[in-house]
C-alpha atoms as a PDB file:
ATOM      1  CA  UNK A   1      51.097-104.442  11.136  1.00  0.00           C
ATOM      2  CA  UNK A   2      51.427-104.003  15.154  1.00  0.00           C
ATOM      3  CA  UNK A   3      54.261-103.630  16.689  1.00  0.00           C
ATOM      4  CA  UNK A   4      53.745-107.544  18.236  1.00  0.00           C
ATOM      5  CA  UNK A   5      53.693-108.931  14.960  1.00  0.00           C
ATOM      6  CA  UNK A   6      57.208-107.366  13.771  1.00  0.00           C
ATOM      7  CA  UNK A   7      58.558-108.541  17.433  1.00  0.00           C
ATOM      8  CA  UNK A   8      56.803-112.245  15.573  1.00  0.00           C
ATOM      9  CA  UNK A   9      58.851-111.379  12.899  1.00  0.00           C
ATOM     10  CA  UNK A  10      61.935-110.750  14.323  1.00  0.00           C
ATOM     11  CA  UNK A  11      61.946-113.847  16.280  1.00  0.00           C
ATOM     12  CA  UNK A  12      61.176-115.687  13.320  1.00  0.00           C
ATOM     13  CA  UNK A  13      64.411-114.339  12.254  1.00  0.00           C
ATOM     14  CA  UNK A  14      66.322-115.284  14.477  1.00  0.00           C
ATOM     15  CA  UNK A  15      65.478-118.387  14.329  1.00  0.00           C
ATOM     16  CA  UNK A  16      66.113-118.632  10.443  1.00  0.00           C
ATOM     17  CA  UNK A  17      69.639-116.815  11.370  1.00  0.00           C
ATOM     18  CA  UNK A  18      70.444-119.423  14.076  1.00  0.00           C
ATOM     19  CA  UNK A  19      69.941-121.918  11.939  1.00  0.00           C
ATOM     20  CA  UNK A  20      72.222-120.574   8.916  1.00  0.00           C
ATOM     21  CA  UNK A  21      74.564-119.404  11.186  1.00  0.00           C
ATOM     22  CA  UNK A  22      74.994-124.098  12.579  1.00  0.00           C
ATOM     23  CA  UNK A  23      74.253-125.050   9.283  1.00  0.00           C
ATOM     24  CA  UNK A  24      77.393-124.275   6.925  1.00  0.00           C
ATOM     25  CA  UNK A  25      75.805-124.554   3.902  1.00  0.00           C
ATOM     26  CA  UNK A  26      76.528-121.997   1.537  1.00  0.00           C
ATOM     27  CA  UNK A  27      73.229-121.939  -0.177  1.00  0.00           C
ATOM     28  CA  UNK A  28      71.412-121.839   2.922  1.00  0.00           C
ATOM     29  CA  UNK A  29      69.060-119.265   2.804  1.00  0.00           C
ATOM     30  CA  UNK A  30      68.119-119.636  -0.424  1.00  0.00           C
ATOM     31  CA  UNK A  31      67.371-123.317  -0.019  1.00  0.00           C
ATOM     32  CA  UNK A  32      64.911-121.739   2.699  1.00  0.00           C
ATOM     33  CA  UNK A  33      63.443-118.616   0.958  1.00  0.00           C
ATOM     34  CA  UNK A  34      62.443-121.151  -1.821  1.00  0.00           C
ATOM     35  CA  UNK A  35      61.277-123.621   0.292  1.00  0.00           C
ATOM     36  CA  UNK A  36      59.693-121.183   2.941  1.00  0.00           C
ATOM     37  CA  UNK A  37      57.657-119.886  -0.572  1.00  0.00           C
ATOM     38  CA  UNK A  38      55.977-123.151  -1.417  1.00  0.00           C
ATOM     39  CA  UNK A  39      55.391-123.981   1.840  1.00  0.00           C
ATOM     40  CA  UNK A  40      53.507-120.763   2.938  1.00  0.00           C
ATOM     41  CA  UNK A  41      53.624-118.624  -0.125  1.00  0.00           C
ATOM     42  CA  UNK A  42      54.235-114.683  -0.850  1.00  0.00           C
ATOM     43  CA  UNK A  43      53.006-113.456   2.555  1.00  0.00           C
ATOM     44  CA  UNK A  44      54.966-115.303   4.982  1.00  0.00           C
ATOM     45  CA  UNK A  45      58.307-114.757   2.972  1.00  0.00           C
ATOM     46  CA  UNK A  46      57.580-111.170   3.694  1.00  0.00           C
ATOM     47  CA  UNK A  47      56.927-111.529   6.781  1.00  0.00           C
ATOM     48  CA  UNK A  48      60.130-113.543   7.866  1.00  0.00           C
ATOM     49  CA  UNK A  49      62.028-110.840   5.566  1.00  0.00           C
ATOM     50  CA  UNK A  50      60.225-108.145   7.595  1.00  0.00           C
ATOM     51  CA  UNK A  51      61.920-110.032  10.528  1.00  0.00           C
ATOM     52  CA  UNK A  52      65.700-110.482   9.096  1.00  0.00           C
ATOM     53  CA  UNK A  53      65.396-106.143   8.025  1.00  0.00           C
ATOM     54  CA  UNK A  54      64.447-105.305  11.700  1.00  0.00           C
ATOM     55  CA  UNK A  55      66.866-107.983  13.170  1.00  0.00           C
ATOM     56  CA  UNK A  56      69.872-106.325  10.903  1.00  0.00           C
ATOM     57  CA  UNK A  57      69.225-102.658  12.399  1.00  0.00           C
ATOM     58  CA  UNK A  58      68.879-103.984  15.706  1.00  0.00           C
ATOM     59  CA  UNK A  59      72.473-105.892  15.421  1.00  0.00           C
ATOM     60  CA  UNK A  60      73.506-102.221  13.470  1.00  0.00           C
ATOM     61  CA  UNK A  61      72.617-100.368  16.475  1.00  0.00           C
ATOM     62  CA  UNK A  62      74.458-103.081  18.888  1.00  0.00           C
ATOM     63  CA  UNK A  63      77.705-102.928  17.073  1.00  0.00           C
ATOM     64  CA  UNK A  64      77.389 -98.973  16.945  1.00  0.00           C
ATOM     65  CA  UNK A  65      76.239 -98.797  20.581  1.00  0.00           C
ATOM     66  CA  UNK A  66      79.025-101.578  21.620  1.00  0.00           C
ATOM     67  CA  UNK A  67      81.932 -99.799  19.593  1.00  0.00           C
ATOM     68  CA  UNK A  68      81.699 -96.680  19.084  1.00  0.00           C
ATOM     69  CA  UNK A  69      81.316 -97.016  15.322  1.00  0.00           C
ATOM     70  CA  UNK A  70      78.042 -96.000  13.297  1.00  0.00           C
ATOM     71  CA  UNK A  71      75.947 -97.920  11.429  1.00  0.00           C
ATOM     72  CA  UNK A  72      76.491 -96.375   8.010  1.00  0.00           C
ATOM     73  CA  UNK A  73      80.722 -96.981   9.120  1.00  0.00           C
ATOM     74  CA  UNK A  74      79.552-100.534   9.336  1.00  0.00           C
ATOM     75  CA  UNK A  75      77.658-100.753   6.538  1.00  0.00           C
ATOM     76  CA  UNK A  76      80.355 -98.799   4.223  1.00  0.00           C
ATOM     77  CA  UNK A  77      82.577-101.552   5.186  1.00  0.00           C
ATOM     78  CA  UNK A  78      80.649-104.363   4.563  1.00  0.00           C
ATOM     79  CA  UNK A  79      80.482-102.028   0.806  1.00  0.00           C
ATOM     80  CA  UNK A  80      83.945-101.528   0.901  1.00  0.00           C
ATOM     81  CA  UNK A  81      84.339-105.749   1.924  1.00  0.00           C
ATOM     82  CA  UNK A  82      82.287-107.058  -0.703  1.00  0.00           C
ATOM     83  CA  UNK A  83      83.753-104.133  -3.787  1.00  0.00           C
ATOM     84  CA  UNK A  84      87.134-106.659  -2.772  1.00  0.00           C
ATOM     85  CA  UNK A  85      85.933-109.565  -3.772  1.00  0.00           C
END
């Protein structure tokens, strides 16, 4: 994958997350992913997942820079919150 393709996948992921944030639908991601698979197949789904992974990494790095907490600390905090549910 070229660097430009990686950025394109991340741009698509930003669009997905923007739609998710505005949807208020707890099932949005599974519905979106299933529709993506049905309409475009597994390759496009892989591209979007790749973009989502890259976007998560960028957000972790941004949080680390802004708050002075490591990416690992953020992930551990999320893991603890999930374990408590």
